[in-house]
Amino acid sequence: TYTATASVVCHVGAKLVLVDVQEDSFEMDYDQMESQINENT
């Protein structure tokens, strides 16, 4: 994605967690997204 998607997370002081895209797709890997979720998300 472009930096603006991520930089706003840094602006508010939260932790930025980047997620890979799916194979052969520009779309976020939703399985990986789910695995990255925790009580702080």
Full PDB file with SEQRES, HELIX, SHEET, SSBOND, CRYST1, ORIGX, SCALE, CONECT and MASTER records, all heavy atoms in Angstrom:
SEQRES   1 A   41  THR TYR THR ALA THR ALA SER VAL VAL CYS HIS VAL GLY          
SEQRES   2 A   41  ALA LYS LEU VAL LEU VAL ASP VAL GLN GLU ASP SER PHE          
SEQRES   3 A   41  GLU MET ASP TYR ASP GLN MET GLU SER GLN ILE ASN GLU          
SEQRES   4 A   41  ASN THR                                                      
HELIX    1 AA1 THR A    3  HIS A   11  1                                   9    
HELIX    2 AA2 TYR A   30  GLN A   36  1                                   7    
CRYST1    1.000    1.000    1.000  90.00  90.00  90.00 P 1           1          
ORIGX1      1.000000  0.000000  0.000000        0.00000                         
ORIGX2      0.000000  1.000000  0.000000        0.00000                         
ORIGX3      0.000000  0.000000  1.000000        0.00000                         
SCALE1      1.000000  0.000000  0.000000        0.00000                         
SCALE2      0.000000  1.000000  0.000000        0.00000                         
SCALE3      0.000000  0.000000  1.000000        0.00000                         
ATOM      1  N   THR A   1       0.846  -1.184   0.000  1.00  0.00           N  
ATOM      2  CA  THR A   1       0.000   0.000   0.000  1.00  0.00           C  
ATOM      3  C   THR A   1       0.883   1.235   0.000  1.00  0.00           C  
ATOM      4  O   THR A   1       2.115   1.139   0.091  1.00  0.00           O  
ATOM      5  CB  THR A   1      -0.943   0.018   1.219  1.00  0.00           C  
ATOM      6  OG1 THR A   1      -1.860   1.121   1.103  1.00  0.00           O  
ATOM      7  CG2 THR A   1      -0.170   0.155   2.522  1.00  0.00           C  
ATOM      8  N   TYR A   2       0.263   2.389  -0.100  1.00  0.00           N  
ATOM      9  CA  TYR A   2       0.984   3.661   0.013  1.00  0.00           C  
ATOM     10  C   TYR A   2       1.209   3.986   1.485  1.00  0.00           C  
ATOM     11  O   TYR A   2       0.472   3.526   2.364  1.00  0.00           O  
ATOM     12  CB  TYR A   2       0.162   4.762  -0.671  1.00  0.00           C  
ATOM     13  CG  TYR A   2       0.847   6.104  -0.701  1.00  0.00           C  
ATOM     14  CD1 TYR A   2       2.066   6.268  -1.355  1.00  0.00           C  
ATOM     15  CD2 TYR A   2       0.283   7.208  -0.070  1.00  0.00           C  
ATOM     16  CE1 TYR A   2       2.702   7.496  -1.377  1.00  0.00           C  
ATOM     17  CE2 TYR A   2       0.902   8.450  -0.097  1.00  0.00           C  
ATOM     18  CZ  TYR A   2       2.112   8.587  -0.741  1.00  0.00           C  
ATOM     19  OH  TYR A   2       2.736   9.806  -0.757  1.00  0.00           O  
ATOM     20  N   THR A   3       2.197   4.805   1.756  1.00  0.00           N  
ATOM     21  CA  THR A   3       2.573   5.102   3.141  1.00  0.00           C  
ATOM     22  C   THR A   3       1.423   5.666   3.976  1.00  0.00           C  
ATOM     23  O   THR A   3       1.363   5.428   5.186  1.00  0.00           O  
ATOM     24  CB  THR A   3       3.773   6.068   3.193  1.00  0.00           C  
ATOM     25  OG1 THR A   3       4.164   6.272   4.555  1.00  0.00           O  
ATOM     26  CG2 THR A   3       3.448   7.415   2.548  1.00  0.00           C  
ATOM     27  N   ALA A   4       0.511   6.413   3.371  1.00  0.00           N  
ATOM     28  CA  ALA A   4      -0.565   7.051   4.142  1.00  0.00           C  
ATOM     29  C   ALA A   4      -1.410   6.041   4.903  1.00  0.00           C  
ATOM     30  O   ALA A   4      -1.945   6.359   5.972  1.00  0.00           O  
ATOM     31  CB  ALA A   4      -1.454   7.888   3.217  1.00  0.00           C  
ATOM     32  N   THR A   5      -1.551   4.832   4.376  1.00  0.00           N  
ATOM     33  CA  THR A   5      -2.325   3.800   5.074  1.00  0.00           C  
ATOM     34  C   THR A   5      -1.692   3.461   6.404  1.00  0.00           C  
ATOM     35  O   THR A   5      -2.390   3.227   7.406  1.00  0.00           O  
ATOM     36  CB  THR A   5      -2.407   2.513   4.221  1.00  0.00           C  
ATOM     37  OG1 THR A   5      -2.659   2.846   2.866  1.00  0.00           O  
ATOM     38  CG2 THR A   5      -3.491   1.580   4.741  1.00  0.00           C  
ATOM     39  N   ALA A   6      -0.366   3.446   6.435  1.00  0.00           N  
ATOM     40  CA  ALA A   6       0.379   3.010   7.616  1.00  0.00           C  
ATOM     41  C   ALA A   6       0.828   4.160   8.505  1.00  0.00           C  
ATOM     42  O   ALA A   6       0.859   4.031   9.736  1.00  0.00           O  
ATOM     43  CB  ALA A   6       1.604   2.201   7.174  1.00  0.00           C  
ATOM     44  N   SER A   7       1.191   5.286   7.903  1.00  0.00           N  
ATOM     45  CA  SER A   7       1.770   6.380   8.691  1.00  0.00           C  
ATOM     46  C   SER A   7       0.796   6.913   9.735  1.00  0.00           C  
ATOM     47  O   SER A   7       1.219   7.356  10.811  1.00  0.00           O  
ATOM     48  CB  SER A   7       2.221   7.515   7.778  1.00  0.00           C  
ATOM     49  OG  SER A   7       1.131   8.096   7.082  1.00  0.00           O  
ATOM     50  N   VAL A   8      -0.509   6.846   9.443  1.00  0.00           N  
ATOM     51  CA  VAL A   8      -1.486   7.364  10.413  1.00  0.00           C  
ATOM     52  C   VAL A   8      -1.463   6.560  11.709  1.00  0.00           C  
ATOM     53  O   VAL A   8      -1.751   7.095  12.787  1.00  0.00           O  
ATOM     54  CB  VAL A   8      -2.909   7.386   9.815  1.00  0.00           C  
ATOM     55  CG1 VAL A   8      -2.981   8.361   8.647  1.00  0.00           C  
ATOM     56  CG2 VAL A   8      -3.372   6.002   9.376  1.00  0.00           C  
ATOM     57  N   VAL A   9      -1.114   5.274  11.604  1.00  0.00           N  
ATOM     58  CA  VAL A   9      -0.995   4.444  12.807  1.00  0.00           C  
ATOM     59  C   VAL A   9       0.156   4.962  13.670  1.00  0.00           C  
ATOM     60  O   VAL A   9       0.038   5.073  14.894  1.00  0.00           O  
ATOM     61  CB  VAL A   9      -0.767   2.962  12.429  1.00  0.00           C  
ATOM     62  CG1 VAL A   9      -0.613   2.110  13.681  1.00  0.00           C  
ATOM     63  CG2 VAL A   9      -1.900   2.453  11.546  1.00  0.00           C  
ATOM     64  N   CYS A  10       1.253   5.311  12.998  1.00  0.00           N  
ATOM     65  CA  CYS A  10       2.395   5.879  13.715  1.00  0.00           C  
ATOM     66  C   CYS A  10       2.050   7.242  14.312  1.00  0.00           C  
ATOM     67  O   CYS A  10       2.478   7.571  15.417  1.00  0.00           O  
ATOM     68  CB  CYS A  10       3.594   5.998  12.779  1.00  0.00           C  
ATOM     69  SG  CYS A  10       4.093   4.435  12.014  1.00  0.00           S  
ATOM     70  N   HIS A  11       1.273   8.037  13.581  1.00  0.00           N  
ATOM     71  CA  HIS A  11       0.903   9.365  14.069  1.00  0.00           C  
ATOM     72  C   HIS A  11       0.202   9.303  15.417  1.00  0.00           C  
ATOM     73  O   HIS A  11       0.403  10.174  16.274  1.00  0.00           O  
ATOM     74  CB  HIS A  11      -0.036  10.062  13.078  1.00  0.00           C  
ATOM     75  CG  HIS A  11       0.595  10.390  11.766  1.00  0.00           C  
ATOM     76  ND1 HIS A  11      -0.111  10.936  10.711  1.00  0.00           N  
ATOM     77  CD2 HIS A  11       1.865  10.245  11.312  1.00  0.00           C  
ATOM     78  CE1 HIS A  11       0.695  11.103   9.685  1.00  0.00           C  
ATOM     79  NE2 HIS A  11       1.894  10.689  10.025  1.00  0.00           N  
ATOM     80  N   VAL A  12      -0.662   8.309  15.621  1.00  0.00           N  
ATOM     81  CA  VAL A  12      -1.425   8.229  16.877  1.00  0.00           C  
ATOM     82  C   VAL A  12      -0.673   7.465  17.965  1.00  0.00           C  
ATOM     83  O   VAL A  12      -1.173   7.329  19.081  1.00  0.00           O  
ATOM     84  CB  VAL A  12      -2.827   7.605  16.650  1.00  0.00           C  
ATOM     85  CG1 VAL A  12      -3.616   8.421  15.638  1.00  0.00           C  
ATOM     86  CG2 VAL A  12      -2.736   6.139  16.232  1.00  0.00           C  
ATOM     87  N   GLY A  13       0.513   6.953  17.635  1.00  0.00           N  
ATOM     88  CA  GLY A  13       1.332   6.280  18.639  1.00  0.00           C  
ATOM     89  C   GLY A  13       1.040   4.813  18.838  1.00  0.00           C  
ATOM     90  O   GLY A  13       1.573   4.186  19.763  1.00  0.00           O  
ATOM     91  N   ALA A  14       0.206   4.228  17.963  1.00  0.00           N  
ATOM     92  CA  ALA A  14      -0.100   2.797  18.077  1.00  0.00           C  
ATOM     93  C   ALA A  14       0.988   1.977  17.388  1.00  0.00           C  
ATOM     94  O   ALA A  14       1.822   2.507  16.644  1.00  0.00           O  
ATOM     95  CB  ALA A  14      -1.464   2.504  17.455  1.00  0.00           C  
ATOM     96  N   LYS A  15       0.970   0.677  17.604  1.00  0.00           N  
ATOM     97  CA  LYS A  15       1.940  -0.218  16.971  1.00  0.00           C  
ATOM     98  C   LYS A  15       1.425  -0.625  15.599  1.00  0.00           C  
ATOM     99  O   LYS A  15       0.316  -1.134  15.460  1.00  0.00           O  
ATOM    100  CB  LYS A  15       2.169  -1.460  17.831  1.00  0.00           C  
ATOM    101  CG  LYS A  15       3.164  -2.446  17.223  1.00  0.00           C  
ATOM    102  CD  LYS A  15       3.332  -3.691  18.085  1.00  0.00           C  
ATOM    103  CE  LYS A  15       4.269  -4.690  17.411  1.00  0.00           C  
ATOM    104  NZ  LYS A  15       4.426  -5.931  18.220  1.00  0.00           N  
ATOM    105  N   LEU A  16       2.252  -0.414  14.585  1.00  0.00           N  
ATOM    106  CA  LEU A  16       1.924  -0.798  13.217  1.00  0.00           C  
ATOM    107  C   LEU A  16       2.296  -2.257  12.990  1.00  0.00           C  
ATOM    108  O   LEU A  16       3.435  -2.662  13.237  1.00  0.00           O  
ATOM    109  CB  LEU A  16       2.684   0.093  12.233  1.00  0.00           C  
ATOM    110  CG  LEU A  16       2.595  -0.256  10.752  1.00  0.00           C  
ATOM    111  CD1 LEU A  16       1.169  -0.068  10.242  1.00  0.00           C  
ATOM    112  CD2 LEU A  16       3.570   0.602   9.947  1.00  0.00           C  
ATOM    113  N   VAL A  17       1.327  -3.042  12.511  1.00  0.00           N  
ATOM    114  CA  VAL A  17       1.559  -4.454  12.183  1.00  0.00           C  
ATOM    115  C   VAL A  17       1.278  -4.630  10.692  1.00  0.00           C  
ATOM    116  O   VAL A  17       0.140  -4.448  10.248  1.00  0.00           O  
ATOM    117  CB  VAL A  17       0.657  -5.386  13.017  1.00  0.00           C  
ATOM    118  CG1 VAL A  17       0.922  -6.847  12.645  1.00  0.00           C  
ATOM    119  CG2 VAL A  17       0.879  -5.161  14.513  1.00  0.00           C  
ATOM    120  N   LEU A  18       2.314  -4.953   9.926  1.00  0.00           N  
ATOM    121  CA  LEU A  18       2.149  -5.149   8.481  1.00  0.00           C  
ATOM    122  C   LEU A  18       1.816  -6.605   8.173  1.00  0.00           C  
ATOM    123  O   LEU A  18       2.387  -7.521   8.763  1.00  0.00           O  
ATOM    124  CB  LEU A  18       3.409  -4.736   7.728  1.00  0.00           C  
ATOM    125  CG  LEU A  18       3.779  -3.252   7.768  1.00  0.00           C  
ATOM    126  CD1 LEU A  18       5.028  -2.993   6.924  1.00  0.00           C  
ATOM    127  CD2 LEU A  18       2.629  -2.375   7.282  1.00  0.00           C  
ATOM    128  N   VAL A  19       0.901  -6.784   7.221  1.00  0.00           N  
ATOM    129  CA  VAL A  19       0.429  -8.109   6.828  1.00  0.00           C  
ATOM    130  C   VAL A  19       0.722  -8.311   5.348  1.00  0.00           C  
ATOM    131  O   VAL A  19       0.477  -7.420   4.530  1.00  0.00           O  
ATOM    132  CB  VAL A  19      -1.088  -8.240   7.098  1.00  0.00           C  
ATOM    133  CG1 VAL A  19      -1.594  -9.615   6.669  1.00  0.00           C  
ATOM    134  CG2 VAL A  19      -1.407  -7.987   8.566  1.00  0.00           C  
ATOM    135  N   ASP A  20       1.251  -9.479   4.988  1.00  0.00           N  
ATOM    136  CA  ASP A  20       1.539  -9.795   3.592  1.00  0.00           C  
ATOM    137  C   ASP A  20       0.235  -9.893   2.799  1.00  0.00           C  
ATOM    138  O   ASP A  20      -0.850 -10.030   3.367  1.00  0.00           O  
ATOM    139  CB  ASP A  20       2.309 -11.119   3.516  1.00  0.00           C  
ATOM    140  CG  ASP A  20       3.114 -11.277   2.226  1.00  0.00           C  
ATOM    141  OD1 ASP A  20       3.095 -10.357   1.385  1.00  0.00           O  
ATOM    142  OD2 ASP A  20       3.768 -12.332   2.077  1.00  0.00           O  
ATOM    143  N   VAL A  21       0.352  -9.820   1.466  1.00  0.00           N  
ATOM    144  CA  VAL A  21      -0.812 -10.033   0.610  1.00  0.00           C  
ATOM    145  C   VAL A  21      -0.939 -11.517   0.283  1.00  0.00           C  
ATOM    146  O   VAL A  21      -0.039 -12.316   0.554  1.00  0.00           O  
ATOM    147  CB  VAL A  21      -0.725  -9.205  -0.693  1.00  0.00           C  
ATOM    148  CG1 VAL A  21      -0.775  -7.719  -0.379  1.00  0.00           C  
ATOM    149  CG2 VAL A  21       0.519  -9.564  -1.502  1.00  0.00           C  
ATOM    150  N   GLN A  22      -2.058 -11.885  -0.300  1.00  0.00           N  
ATOM    151  CA  GLN A  22      -2.277 -13.261  -0.722  1.00  0.00           C  
ATOM    152  C   GLN A  22      -1.375 -13.587  -1.907  1.00  0.00           C  
ATOM    153  O   GLN A  22      -0.915 -12.693  -2.618  1.00  0.00           O  
ATOM    154  CB  GLN A  22      -3.739 -13.455  -1.130  1.00  0.00           C  
ATOM    155  CG  GLN A  22      -4.748 -13.140  -0.045  1.00  0.00           C  
ATOM    156  CD  GLN A  22      -6.153 -13.002  -0.582  1.00  0.00           C  
ATOM    157  OE1 GLN A  22      -6.551 -13.702  -1.514  1.00  0.00           O  
ATOM    158  NE2 GLN A  22      -6.935 -12.096  -0.001  1.00  0.00           N  
ATOM    159  N   GLU A  23      -1.130 -14.852  -2.134  1.00  0.00           N  
ATOM    160  CA  GLU A  23      -0.350 -15.253  -3.296  1.00  0.00           C  
ATOM    161  C   GLU A  23      -1.084 -14.857  -4.579  1.00  0.00           C  
ATOM    162  O   GLU A  23      -2.288 -15.086  -4.715  1.00  0.00           O  
ATOM    163  CB  GLU A  23      -0.105 -16.764  -3.276  1.00  0.00           C  
ATOM    164  CG  GLU A  23       0.866 -17.227  -4.349  1.00  0.00           C  
ATOM    165  CD  GLU A  23       1.275 -18.673  -4.184  1.00  0.00           C  
ATOM    166  OE1 GLU A  23       0.878 -19.311  -3.190  1.00  0.00           O  
ATOM    167  OE2 GLU A  23       2.014 -19.167  -5.063  1.00  0.00           O  
ATOM    168  N   ASP A  24      -0.360 -14.209  -5.491  1.00  0.00           N  
ATOM    169  CA  ASP A  24      -0.896 -13.779  -6.781  1.00  0.00           C  
ATOM    170  C   ASP A  24      -2.082 -12.817  -6.626  1.00  0.00           C  
ATOM    171  O   ASP A  24      -3.027 -12.840  -7.413  1.00  0.00           O  
ATOM    172  CB  ASP A  24      -1.304 -14.990  -7.628  1.00  0.00           C  
ATOM    173  CG  ASP A  24      -1.335 -14.671  -9.116  1.00  0.00           C  
ATOM    174  OD1 ASP A  24      -0.524 -13.843  -9.567  1.00  0.00           O  
ATOM    175  OD2 ASP A  24      -2.197 -15.226  -9.823  1.00  0.00           O  
ATOM    176  N   SER A  25      -2.006 -11.964  -5.613  1.00  0.00           N  
ATOM    177  CA  SER A  25      -3.091 -11.003  -5.367  1.00  0.00           C  
ATOM    178  C   SER A  25      -2.525  -9.772  -4.664  1.00  0.00           C  
ATOM    179  O   SER A  25      -1.564  -9.874  -3.898  1.00  0.00           O  
ATOM    180  CB  SER A  25      -4.182 -11.637  -4.494  1.00  0.00           C  
ATOM    181  OG  SER A  25      -5.118 -10.669  -4.075  1.00  0.00           O  
ATOM    182  N   PHE A  26      -3.138  -8.619  -4.930  1.00  0.00           N  
ATOM    183  CA  PHE A  26      -2.765  -7.403  -4.221  1.00  0.00           C  
ATOM    184  C   PHE A  26      -3.530  -7.261  -2.902  1.00  0.00           C  
ATOM    185  O   PHE A  26      -3.323  -6.300  -2.171  1.00  0.00           O  
ATOM    186  CB  PHE A  26      -3.055  -6.178  -5.094  1.00  0.00           C  
ATOM    187  CG  PHE A  26      -2.146  -6.046  -6.282  1.00  0.00           C  
ATOM    188  CD1 PHE A  26      -2.625  -6.256  -7.569  1.00  0.00           C  
ATOM    189  CD2 PHE A  26      -0.815  -5.714  -6.119  1.00  0.00           C  
ATOM    190  CE1 PHE A  26      -1.798  -6.132  -8.676  1.00  0.00           C  
ATOM    191  CE2 PHE A  26       0.033  -5.590  -7.221  1.00  0.00           C  
ATOM    192  CZ  PHE A  26      -0.459  -5.801  -8.498  1.00  0.00           C  
ATOM    193  N   GLU A  27      -4.408  -8.191  -2.621  1.00  0.00           N  
ATOM    194  CA  GLU A  27      -5.278  -8.097  -1.441  1.00  0.00           C  
ATOM    195  C   GLU A  27      -4.630  -8.724  -0.219  1.00  0.00           C  
ATOM    196  O   GLU A  27      -3.914  -9.726  -0.316  1.00  0.00           O  
ATOM    197  CB  GLU A  27      -6.607  -8.782  -1.749  1.00  0.00           C  
ATOM    198  CG  GLU A  27      -7.729  -8.404  -0.807  1.00  0.00           C  
ATOM    199  CD  GLU A  27      -9.082  -8.835  -1.342  1.00  0.00           C  
ATOM    200  OE1 GLU A  27      -9.154  -9.421  -2.438  1.00  0.00           O  
ATOM    201  OE2 GLU A  27     -10.077  -8.579  -0.656  1.00  0.00           O  
ATOM    202  N   MET A  28      -4.873  -8.136   0.915  1.00  0.00           N  
ATOM    203  CA  MET A  28      -4.319  -8.629   2.168  1.00  0.00           C  
ATOM    204  C   MET A  28      -4.590 -10.122   2.360  1.00  0.00           C  
ATOM    205  O   MET A  28      -5.657 -10.621   2.015  1.00  0.00           O  
ATOM    206  CB  MET A  28      -4.944  -7.844   3.341  1.00  0.00           C  
ATOM    207  CG  MET A  28      -4.307  -8.102   4.696  1.00  0.00           C  
ATOM    208  SD  MET A  28      -5.239  -7.388   6.087  1.00  0.00           S  
ATOM    209  CE  MET A  28      -5.209  -5.654   5.716  1.00  0.00           C  
ATOM    210  N   ASP A  29      -3.617 -10.834   2.921  1.00  0.00           N  
ATOM    211  CA  ASP A  29      -3.782 -12.248   3.264  1.00  0.00           C  
ATOM    212  C   ASP A  29      -4.626 -12.311   4.537  1.00  0.00           C  
ATOM    213  O   ASP A  29      -4.141 -12.033   5.634  1.00  0.00           O  
ATOM    214  CB  ASP A  29      -2.414 -12.897   3.477  1.00  0.00           C  
ATOM    215  CG  ASP A  29      -2.502 -14.387   3.763  1.00  0.00           C  
ATOM    216  OD1 ASP A  29      -3.528 -14.835   4.324  1.00  0.00           O  
ATOM    217  OD2 ASP A  29      -1.540 -15.108   3.449  1.00  0.00           O  
ATOM    218  N   TYR A  30      -5.891 -12.676   4.380  1.00  0.00           N  
ATOM    219  CA  TYR A  30      -6.807 -12.615   5.519  1.00  0.00           C  
ATOM    220  C   TYR A  30      -6.521 -13.694   6.558  1.00  0.00           C  
ATOM    221  O   TYR A  30      -6.785 -13.492   7.755  1.00  0.00           O  
ATOM    222  CB  TYR A  30      -8.256 -12.685   5.031  1.00  0.00           C  
ATOM    223  CG  TYR A  30      -8.615 -11.496   4.161  1.00  0.00           C  
ATOM    224  CD1 TYR A  30      -9.015 -11.666   2.834  1.00  0.00           C  
ATOM    225  CD2 TYR A  30      -8.522 -10.192   4.655  1.00  0.00           C  
ATOM    226  CE1 TYR A  30      -9.325 -10.582   2.035  1.00  0.00           C  
ATOM    227  CE2 TYR A  30      -8.833  -9.100   3.864  1.00  0.00           C  
ATOM    228  CZ  TYR A  30      -9.226  -9.304   2.550  1.00  0.00           C  
ATOM    229  OH  TYR A  30      -9.526  -8.219   1.766  1.00  0.00           O  
ATOM    230  N   ASP A  31      -5.984 -14.816   6.144  1.00  0.00           N  
ATOM    231  CA  ASP A  31      -5.575 -15.833   7.122  1.00  0.00           C  
ATOM    232  C   ASP A  31      -4.446 -15.293   7.996  1.00  0.00           C  
ATOM    233  O   ASP A  31      -4.455 -15.463   9.225  1.00  0.00           O  
ATOM    234  CB  ASP A  31      -5.121 -17.116   6.419  1.00  0.00           C  
ATOM    235  CG  ASP A  31      -6.262 -17.855   5.751  1.00  0.00           C  
ATOM    236  OD1 ASP A  31      -7.416 -17.724   6.227  1.00  0.00           O  
ATOM    237  OD2 ASP A  31      -6.013 -18.558   4.750  1.00  0.00           O  
ATOM    238  N   GLN A  32      -3.478 -14.633   7.361  1.00  0.00           N  
ATOM    239  CA  GLN A  32      -2.386 -14.043   8.133  1.00  0.00           C  
ATOM    240  C   GLN A  32      -2.899 -12.903   9.012  1.00  0.00           C  
ATOM    241  O   GLN A  32      -2.455 -12.738  10.148  1.00  0.00           O  
ATOM    242  CB  GLN A  32      -1.284 -13.539   7.199  1.00  0.00           C  
ATOM    243  CG  GLN A  32      -0.041 -13.081   7.952  1.00  0.00           C  
ATOM    244  CD  GLN A  32       1.054 -12.593   7.042  1.00  0.00           C  
ATOM    245  OE1 GLN A  32       1.538 -11.478   7.177  1.00  0.00           O  
ATOM    246  NE2 GLN A  32       1.461 -13.433   6.093  1.00  0.00           N  
ATOM    247  N   MET A  33      -3.827 -12.127   8.480  1.00  0.00           N  
ATOM    248  CA  MET A  33      -4.439 -11.065   9.279  1.00  0.00           C  
ATOM    249  C   MET A  33      -5.044 -11.628  10.555  1.00  0.00           C  
ATOM    250  O   MET A  33      -4.818 -11.115  11.662  1.00  0.00           O  
ATOM    251  CB  MET A  33      -5.525 -10.353   8.461  1.00  0.00           C  
ATOM    252  CG  MET A  33      -6.187  -9.181   9.168  1.00  0.00           C  
ATOM    253  SD  MET A  33      -7.714  -8.634   8.346  1.00  0.00           S  
ATOM    254  CE  MET A  33      -8.920  -9.705   9.174  1.00  0.00           C  
ATOM    255  N   GLU A  34      -5.798 -12.717  10.404  1.00  0.00           N  
ATOM    256  CA  GLU A  34      -6.437 -13.333  11.567  1.00  0.00           C  
ATOM    257  C   GLU A  34      -5.398 -13.818  12.574  1.00  0.00           C  
ATOM    258  O   GLU A  34      -5.569 -13.652  13.788  1.00  0.00           O  
ATOM    259  CB  GLU A  34      -7.329 -14.489  11.125  1.00  0.00           C  
ATOM    260  CG  GLU A  34      -8.090 -15.140  12.278  1.00  0.00           C  
ATOM    261  CD  GLU A  34      -9.173 -16.099  11.821  1.00  0.00           C  
ATOM    262  OE1 GLU A  34      -9.219 -16.421  10.607  1.00  0.00           O  
ATOM    263  OE2 GLU A  34      -9.982 -16.525  12.669  1.00  0.00           O  
ATOM    264  N   SER A  35      -4.314 -14.391  12.086  1.00  0.00           N  
ATOM    265  CA  SER A  35      -3.290 -14.921  12.988  1.00  0.00           C  
ATOM    266  C   SER A  35      -2.552 -13.820  13.746  1.00  0.00           C  
ATOM    267  O   SER A  35      -1.973 -14.070  14.803  1.00  0.00           O  
ATOM    268  CB  SER A  35      -2.282 -15.774  12.209  1.00  0.00           C  
ATOM    269  OG  SER A  35      -1.455 -14.962  11.386  1.00  0.00           O  
ATOM    270  N   GLN A  36      -2.575 -12.591  13.219  1.00  0.00           N  
ATOM    271  CA  GLN A  36      -1.874 -11.469  13.857  1.00  0.00           C  
ATOM    272  C   GLN A  36      -2.730 -10.758  14.909  1.00  0.00           C  
ATOM    273  O   GLN A  36      -2.227  -9.906  15.645  1.00  0.00           O  
ATOM    274  CB  GLN A  36      -1.458 -10.444  12.791  1.00  0.00           C  
ATOM    275  CG  GLN A  36      -0.445 -10.960  11.781  1.00  0.00           C  
ATOM    276  CD  GLN A  36       0.981 -10.850  12.284  1.00  0.00           C  
ATOM    277  OE1 GLN A  36       1.213 -10.700  13.481  1.00  0.00           O  
ATOM    278  NE2 GLN A  36       1.943 -10.939  11.387  1.00  0.00           N  
ATOM    279  N   ILE A  37      -4.000 -11.090  14.969  1.00  0.00           N  
ATOM    280  CA  ILE A  37      -4.893 -10.420  15.919  1.00  0.00           C  
ATOM    281  C   ILE A  37      -4.622 -10.908  17.338  1.00  0.00           C  
ATOM    282  O   ILE A  37      -4.488 -12.105  17.593  1.00  0.00           O  
ATOM    283  CB  ILE A  37      -6.365 -10.667  15.534  1.00  0.00           C  
ATOM    284  CG1 ILE A  37      -6.697  -9.943  14.223  1.00  0.00           C  
ATOM    285  CG2 ILE A  37      -7.316 -10.214  16.651  1.00  0.00           C  
ATOM    286  CD1 ILE A  37      -8.066 -10.277  13.657  1.00  0.00           C  
ATOM    287  N   ASN A  38      -4.537  -9.957  18.266  1.00  0.00           N  
ATOM    288  CA  ASN A  38      -4.394 -10.297  19.687  1.00  0.00           C  
ATOM    289  C   ASN A  38      -5.217  -9.321  20.529  1.00  0.00           C  
ATOM    290  O   ASN A  38      -5.982  -8.515  19.976  1.00  0.00           O  
ATOM    291  CB  ASN A  38      -2.915 -10.286  20.097  1.00  0.00           C  
ATOM    292  CG  ASN A  38      -2.256  -8.932  19.889  1.00  0.00           C  
ATOM    293  OD1 ASN A  38      -2.822  -7.895  20.224  1.00  0.00           O  
ATOM    294  ND2 ASN A  38      -1.052  -8.930  19.321  1.00  0.00           N  
ATOM    295  N   GLU A  39      -5.057  -9.377  21.835  1.00  0.00           N  
ATOM    296  CA  GLU A  39      -5.875  -8.548  22.725  1.00  0.00           C  
ATOM    297  C   GLU A  39      -5.607  -7.049  22.574  1.00  0.00           C  
ATOM    298  O   GLU A  39      -6.415  -6.225  23.022  1.00  0.00           O  
ATOM    299  CB  GLU A  39      -5.649  -8.974  24.175  1.00  0.00           C  
ATOM    300  CG  GLU A  39      -6.193 -10.365  24.488  1.00  0.00           C  
ATOM    301  CD  GLU A  39      -6.082 -10.729  25.953  1.00  0.00           C  
ATOM    302  OE1 GLU A  39      -5.396  -9.985  26.697  1.00  0.00           O  
ATOM    303  OE2 GLU A  39      -6.693 -11.728  26.370  1.00  0.00           O  
ATOM    304  N   ASN A  40      -4.487  -6.701  21.968  1.00  0.00           N  
ATOM    305  CA  ASN A  40      -4.160  -5.284  21.783  1.00  0.00           C  
ATOM    306  C   ASN A  40      -4.649  -4.726  20.442  1.00  0.00           C  
ATOM    307  O   ASN A  40      -4.573  -3.519  20.223  1.00  0.00           O  
ATOM    308  CB  ASN A  40      -2.648  -5.086  21.869  1.00  0.00           C  
ATOM    309  CG  ASN A  40      -2.098  -5.455  23.233  1.00  0.00           C  
ATOM    310  OD1 ASN A  40      -2.700  -5.147  24.261  1.00  0.00           O  
ATOM    311  ND2 ASN A  40      -0.959  -6.129  23.253  1.00  0.00           N  
ATOM    312  N   THR A  41      -5.124  -5.594  19.557  1.00  0.00           N  
ATOM    313  CA  THR A  41      -5.558  -5.147  18.227  1.00  0.00           C  
ATOM    314  C   THR A  41      -6.847  -4.346  18.338  1.00  0.00           C  
ATOM    315  O   THR A  41      -7.848  -4.820  18.871  1.00  0.00           O  
ATOM    316  CB  THR A  41      -5.781  -6.349  17.287  1.00  0.00           C  
ATOM    317  OG1 THR A  41      -4.614  -7.180  17.289  1.00  0.00           O  
ATOM    318  CG2 THR A  41      -6.065  -5.865  15.879  1.00  0.00           C  
TER     319      THR A  41                                                      
MASTER        0    0    0    2    0    0    0    6  318    1    0    4          
END                                                                             
